[in-house]
Every structure is written in C-alpha cells, then in structure tokens.
Amino acid sequence: MNPIQIGFLIYPGVIQLDVMGAHQVLSFPPNTQVHVIGKTLAPVTTNEGLILVPTVTLANCPPLDVICVPGGGMGQIEVMKDPDILSFLQQQSATAQYVTAVCTGSMILAAAGVLQGYKAACHWAFRDQLAMLGVDVVRERVVIDRNRVTGAGVTSGIDFGLTLLSLLCGEEVAKMTQLMMEYNPEPPFNAGTPETAGEDIVQPLMQLGKPLLDAFLRQTRETAAQLKL
C-alpha cells in the first residue's frame, strides 16, 4: 500500500506548535509519509525562534493526500499575499483528500480562495477576520466540513491531528497514537478560552497582541478586496 502523503507548509514566522502538535500525531503511523514544505530548502526560523528545515519545496512537493497550513505571527502576512504559495495551495487543494489548517492557517487557505463556502475554525482572536474572508466560522476546537478540516488556536493542533488521523487510518490507530503520546491534558488553569479566562486576562492579552491584530486586519481587508468579498 502506498503511504499517505501529508505535507505541512512552513514559512518564516510560523507558529512552531501549530506545526509540531499535528506533525507529532500524523507521523506516528507507519503508513504515513510527512513532508515539511518550504519555498526553498533553506532553514526556516519560527515565530518562537526554533529552526525548522524543509524536506521538500513548493516546486518538488509530490501530490498530497493531506495539505496542512499552520498559522503564524507577522510572517503570515507575507504568506497571505505570496502568489507562489497561494498558487501551490490552490493546486494541491484541487486533488488532496483533505485540505486542512491549524490556528490562523485557515486565513491563508481563505486567501488562496479554497475555504470560502466552508465551515472552519480559527484562533479565537481572529474569528472575525476569517469571517471577513467569506468563511463560515465555527467556535469549535476542530471543525470538519466535507474534506476541509480545521483546528482552532495553537494547542488544538493535537486534537486536530488525532481527529484527522481517525479519518485517515481509523479510530483505533488514532487512539493508539493518543496513548503513545500520553495525551491526557489536565491544564493547571481554567483560562484556555476568553470565556473561562475572564476580561481581566483577556484585555491585557489583547493589548499585548494589538500590533499583530492590527497588521492582520490590514492584510485581511486587502485580501478580501482582492477576492471581491
């Protein structure tokens, strides 16, 4: 049996856990082959300073069964207007079994014009912006709409990966993977959503992230205009 071909797009400023959570899950079964895709094979520095090395480029990436787009920091803004990356996503999405994203990676898929008319998840702070791009935004941790599978913010990549793995390889394999990872989260604080964190935590975080939010909003408006939304 041919291995399931899975590809993660990376770029300067990508959020490392957006990549690594789902990568850890999807690389466990012996029948998956996971590619790390860059514009070139040059090392890529993540938003947090970790260095990732692509295994394939946009030009020599094989046809994928699963294309996954992680979110990013300021570097994502350049990706949302990069014609080479957007064209690559359009081409792969036309034939992939599943077109997927984690966190604000759903905004990149929307910029490529391959998420409009679908339900999708996104990081909570960017839901309104994703909706501006013609996507039906759902406040859930993982959203499946036909062959589009999307995860919410950062850590949802693990849940997303397990959900996707169950679709690809069956629930038993997904459960084995969860057990191998000992994924049994017990967070020390009940502050993982705006609703549980409360305004005294949400508002300082929003102020801290205002430059990023504003920069994303400018690009979102530009992208929406280009897509004539």
Protein backbone atom coordinates (compact mmCIF):
# COMPACT_ATOMS: atom_id res chain seq x y z
CA MET A 1 0.00 0.00 0.00
CA ASN A 2 1.33 3.43 -0.90
CA PRO A 3 1.97 5.70 2.10
CA ILE A 4 -0.44 8.53 2.86
CA GLN A 5 1.28 11.70 1.69
CA ILE A 6 0.94 14.55 4.20
CA GLY A 7 2.51 17.98 3.83
CA PHE A 8 2.97 20.84 6.29
CA LEU A 9 3.65 24.27 4.81
CA ILE A 10 6.24 26.25 6.80
CA TYR A 11 7.43 29.83 6.39
CA PRO A 12 9.37 32.44 8.38
CA GLY A 13 7.39 33.31 11.49
CA VAL A 14 5.23 30.17 11.51
CA ILE A 15 4.00 29.20 14.98
CA GLN A 16 6.06 26.16 15.88
CA LEU A 17 3.38 24.31 17.89
CA ASP A 18 0.87 24.84 15.08
CA VAL A 19 3.22 22.61 13.08
CA MET A 20 4.62 20.24 15.66
CA GLY A 21 1.43 19.23 17.51
CA ALA A 22 -0.23 17.81 14.42
CA HIS A 23 3.10 16.64 12.95
CA GLN A 24 3.76 14.54 16.07
CA VAL A 25 0.37 12.84 15.71
CA LEU A 26 0.36 12.27 11.96
CA SER A 27 3.92 10.99 11.71
CA PHE A 28 3.29 8.10 14.16
CA PRO A 29 1.57 5.52 11.91
CA PRO A 30 3.96 3.58 9.64
CA ASN A 31 1.75 4.18 6.60
CA THR A 32 2.12 7.99 6.59
CA GLN A 33 4.88 9.99 4.96
CA VAL A 34 5.09 13.53 6.28
CA HIS A 35 6.74 16.32 4.28
CA VAL A 36 7.78 19.73 5.56
CA ILE A 37 7.29 22.18 2.69
CA GLY A 38 9.20 25.43 2.20
CA LYS A 39 9.65 27.82 -0.69
CA THR A 40 13.26 26.62 -0.71
CA LEU A 41 15.20 24.09 1.34
CA ALA A 42 16.73 26.87 3.46
CA PRO A 43 16.15 26.59 7.22
CA VAL A 44 13.11 28.49 8.46
CA THR A 45 13.01 30.35 11.78
CA THR A 46 9.68 30.06 13.56
CA ASN A 47 7.92 32.83 15.43
CA GLU A 48 9.39 31.46 18.65
CA GLY A 49 12.94 31.08 17.34
CA LEU A 50 13.03 27.34 16.65
CA ILE A 51 14.70 26.47 13.35
CA LEU A 52 12.86 24.06 11.05
CA VAL A 53 14.33 22.56 7.88
CA PRO A 54 12.07 21.85 4.90
CA THR A 55 12.26 18.43 3.30
CA VAL A 56 10.67 19.48 0.01
CA THR A 57 9.99 22.72 -1.84
CA LEU A 58 6.85 24.07 -3.45
CA ALA A 59 8.30 23.01 -6.80
CA ASN A 60 9.14 19.39 -6.00
CA CYS A 61 6.46 18.54 -3.45
CA PRO A 62 4.58 15.40 -4.52
CA PRO A 63 0.80 15.36 -4.88
CA LEU A 64 -0.51 15.29 -1.33
CA ASP A 65 -3.33 13.36 0.26
CA VAL A 66 -3.36 15.96 3.05
CA ILE A 67 -2.17 19.56 2.86
CA CYS A 68 -1.90 21.32 6.21
CA VAL A 69 -1.32 25.03 6.73
CA PRO A 70 -0.26 26.23 10.20
CA GLY A 71 -0.73 29.77 11.43
CA GLY A 72 1.97 32.33 12.10
CA GLY A 73 2.97 35.66 13.54
CA MET A 74 3.89 38.68 11.44
CA GLY A 75 5.40 36.36 8.82
CA GLN A 76 1.96 35.10 7.92
CA ILE A 77 1.07 38.45 6.41
CA GLU A 78 3.62 37.93 3.64
CA VAL A 79 2.34 34.41 3.03
CA MET A 80 -1.22 35.66 2.57
CA LYS A 81 -0.09 37.69 -0.43
CA ASP A 82 2.61 35.39 -1.83
CA PRO A 83 1.47 34.31 -5.31
CA ASP A 84 3.73 31.25 -5.37
CA ILE A 85 2.39 29.89 -2.09
CA LEU A 86 -1.23 30.72 -2.90
CA SER A 87 -0.93 29.03 -6.29
CA PHE A 88 0.65 25.97 -4.68
CA LEU A 89 -2.22 25.71 -2.20
CA GLN A 90 -4.78 26.03 -4.98
CA GLN A 91 -3.12 23.26 -6.98
CA GLN A 92 -2.74 20.86 -4.06
CA SER A 93 -6.26 21.58 -2.78
CA ALA A 94 -7.73 20.58 -6.14
CA THR A 95 -6.58 16.98 -5.71
CA ALA A 96 -5.93 16.43 -1.98
CA GLN A 97 -8.18 14.15 0.00
CA TYR A 98 -8.16 16.64 2.88
CA VAL A 99 -7.39 20.36 2.91
CA THR A 100 -6.57 21.45 6.43
CA ALA A 101 -5.26 24.18 8.69
CA VAL A 102 -4.40 24.89 12.31
CA CYS A 103 -4.98 28.22 14.06
CA THR A 104 -4.76 31.21 11.68
CA GLY A 105 -3.61 28.91 8.90
CA SER A 106 -7.28 28.91 7.90
CA MET A 107 -6.80 32.55 6.90
CA ILE A 108 -4.06 31.50 4.48
CA LEU A 109 -6.35 28.90 2.94
CA ALA A 110 -9.02 31.60 2.63
CA ALA A 111 -6.50 33.94 0.98
CA ALA A 112 -5.88 31.18 -1.57
CA GLY A 113 -9.63 31.06 -2.22
CA VAL A 114 -10.07 27.43 -1.15
CA LEU A 115 -12.03 27.85 2.11
CA GLN A 116 -14.91 30.08 1.03
CA GLY A 117 -18.27 28.34 1.45
CA TYR A 118 -16.95 26.03 4.14
CA LYS A 119 -17.26 25.98 7.91
CA ALA A 120 -13.92 26.38 9.66
CA ALA A 121 -12.22 27.00 12.99
CA CYS A 122 -9.63 29.64 13.80
CA HIS A 123 -7.82 31.12 16.79
CA TRP A 124 -10.45 32.94 18.87
CA ALA A 125 -8.82 36.37 18.41
CA PHE A 126 -9.05 36.14 14.60
CA ARG A 127 -12.52 34.66 14.05
CA ASP A 128 -13.99 37.95 12.85
CA GLN A 129 -11.15 38.39 10.37
CA LEU A 130 -11.62 34.89 8.96
CA ALA A 131 -15.33 35.66 8.53
CA MET A 132 -14.36 38.76 6.52
CA LEU A 133 -12.77 36.36 4.02
CA GLY A 134 -16.05 34.61 3.26
CA VAL A 135 -15.66 31.67 5.64
CA ASP A 136 -18.40 30.35 7.92
CA VAL A 137 -16.51 30.50 11.21
CA VAL A 138 -17.45 27.97 13.89
CA ARG A 139 -16.49 28.29 17.56
CA GLU A 140 -15.29 24.73 17.98
CA ARG A 141 -11.88 23.22 18.63
CA VAL A 142 -11.92 21.08 15.48
CA VAL A 143 -14.30 21.55 12.55
CA ILE A 144 -14.93 19.08 9.74
CA ASP A 145 -16.82 20.28 6.68
CA ARG A 146 -16.64 17.76 3.85
CA ASN A 147 -12.91 17.48 3.10
CA ARG A 148 -11.91 20.65 4.95
CA VAL A 149 -10.62 20.00 8.48
CA THR A 150 -9.51 22.93 10.64
CA GLY A 151 -8.33 23.43 14.19
CA ALA A 152 -8.67 26.43 16.48
CA GLY A 153 -5.73 28.05 18.27
CA VAL A 154 -2.22 26.56 18.64
CA THR A 155 -2.72 23.61 21.02
CA SER A 156 -5.78 22.45 19.11
CA GLY A 157 -3.28 21.06 16.59
CA ILE A 158 -3.04 17.90 18.69
CA ASP A 159 -6.83 17.44 18.77
CA PHE A 160 -6.96 18.32 15.07
CA GLY A 161 -4.24 15.77 14.31
CA LEU A 162 -5.99 12.97 16.19
CA THR A 163 -9.31 13.79 14.51
CA LEU A 164 -7.71 13.81 11.08
CA LEU A 165 -5.82 10.59 11.83
CA SER A 166 -9.08 8.87 12.70
CA LEU A 167 -10.43 9.87 9.29
CA LEU A 168 -7.31 8.63 7.51
CA CYS A 169 -6.49 5.46 9.44
CA GLY A 170 -9.42 4.69 11.70
CA GLU A 171 -10.30 5.39 15.29
CA GLU A 172 -8.19 2.56 16.71
CA VAL A 173 -4.99 3.97 15.21
CA ALA A 174 -5.89 7.44 16.47
CA LYS A 175 -6.48 6.08 19.97
CA MET A 176 -3.18 4.18 19.91
CA THR A 177 -1.44 7.40 18.91
CA GLN A 178 -3.09 9.32 21.72
CA LEU A 179 -1.98 6.67 24.18
CA MET A 180 1.58 6.65 22.81
CA MET A 181 1.72 10.41 23.36
CA GLU A 182 0.06 10.07 26.80
CA TYR A 183 -2.22 12.88 25.70
CA ASN A 184 -4.39 13.28 28.77
CA PRO A 185 -4.36 17.05 29.38
CA GLU A 186 -5.00 18.49 32.82
CA PRO A 187 -4.24 22.21 32.45
CA PRO A 188 -3.22 23.97 35.66
CA PHE A 189 -5.59 26.88 34.99
CA ASN A 190 -9.07 27.20 33.54
CA ALA A 191 -8.00 30.01 31.23
CA GLY A 192 -7.88 28.37 27.81
CA THR A 193 -10.76 30.36 26.29
CA PRO A 194 -11.84 34.01 26.61
CA GLU A 195 -14.98 32.87 28.38
CA THR A 196 -13.14 30.96 31.10
CA ALA A 197 -10.18 33.33 31.39
CA GLY A 198 -12.31 36.42 32.05
CA GLU A 199 -11.88 40.03 30.99
CA ASP A 200 -9.07 40.72 33.46
CA ILE A 201 -6.92 38.27 31.46
CA VAL A 202 -8.39 38.81 28.00
CA GLN A 203 -7.97 42.58 27.82
CA PRO A 204 -4.25 42.75 28.75
CA LEU A 205 -3.56 39.98 26.24
CA MET A 206 -5.47 41.84 23.53
CA GLN A 207 -3.44 44.97 24.23
CA LEU A 208 -0.23 42.98 24.08
CA GLY A 209 -1.26 41.50 20.75
CA LYS A 210 -2.70 44.70 19.25
CA PRO A 211 0.16 45.31 16.75
CA LEU A 212 -0.30 41.80 15.36
CA LEU A 213 -4.09 42.06 15.31
CA ASP A 214 -3.95 45.40 13.53
CA ALA A 215 -1.42 44.18 10.97
CA PHE A 216 -3.51 41.08 10.25
CA LEU A 217 -6.62 43.23 9.91
CA ARG A 218 -4.98 45.44 7.29
CA GLN A 219 -3.96 42.38 5.28
CA THR A 220 -7.36 40.76 5.75
CA ARG A 221 -9.08 43.81 4.30
CA GLU A 222 -6.66 43.87 1.38
CA THR A 223 -7.18 40.17 0.72
CA ALA A 224 -10.96 40.49 0.96
CA ALA A 225 -10.88 43.30 -1.60
CA GLN A 226 -8.76 41.21 -3.96
CA LEU A 227 -11.17 38.30 -3.58
CA LYS A 228 -14.05 40.75 -4.15
CA LEU A 229 -15.78 39.78 -0.91
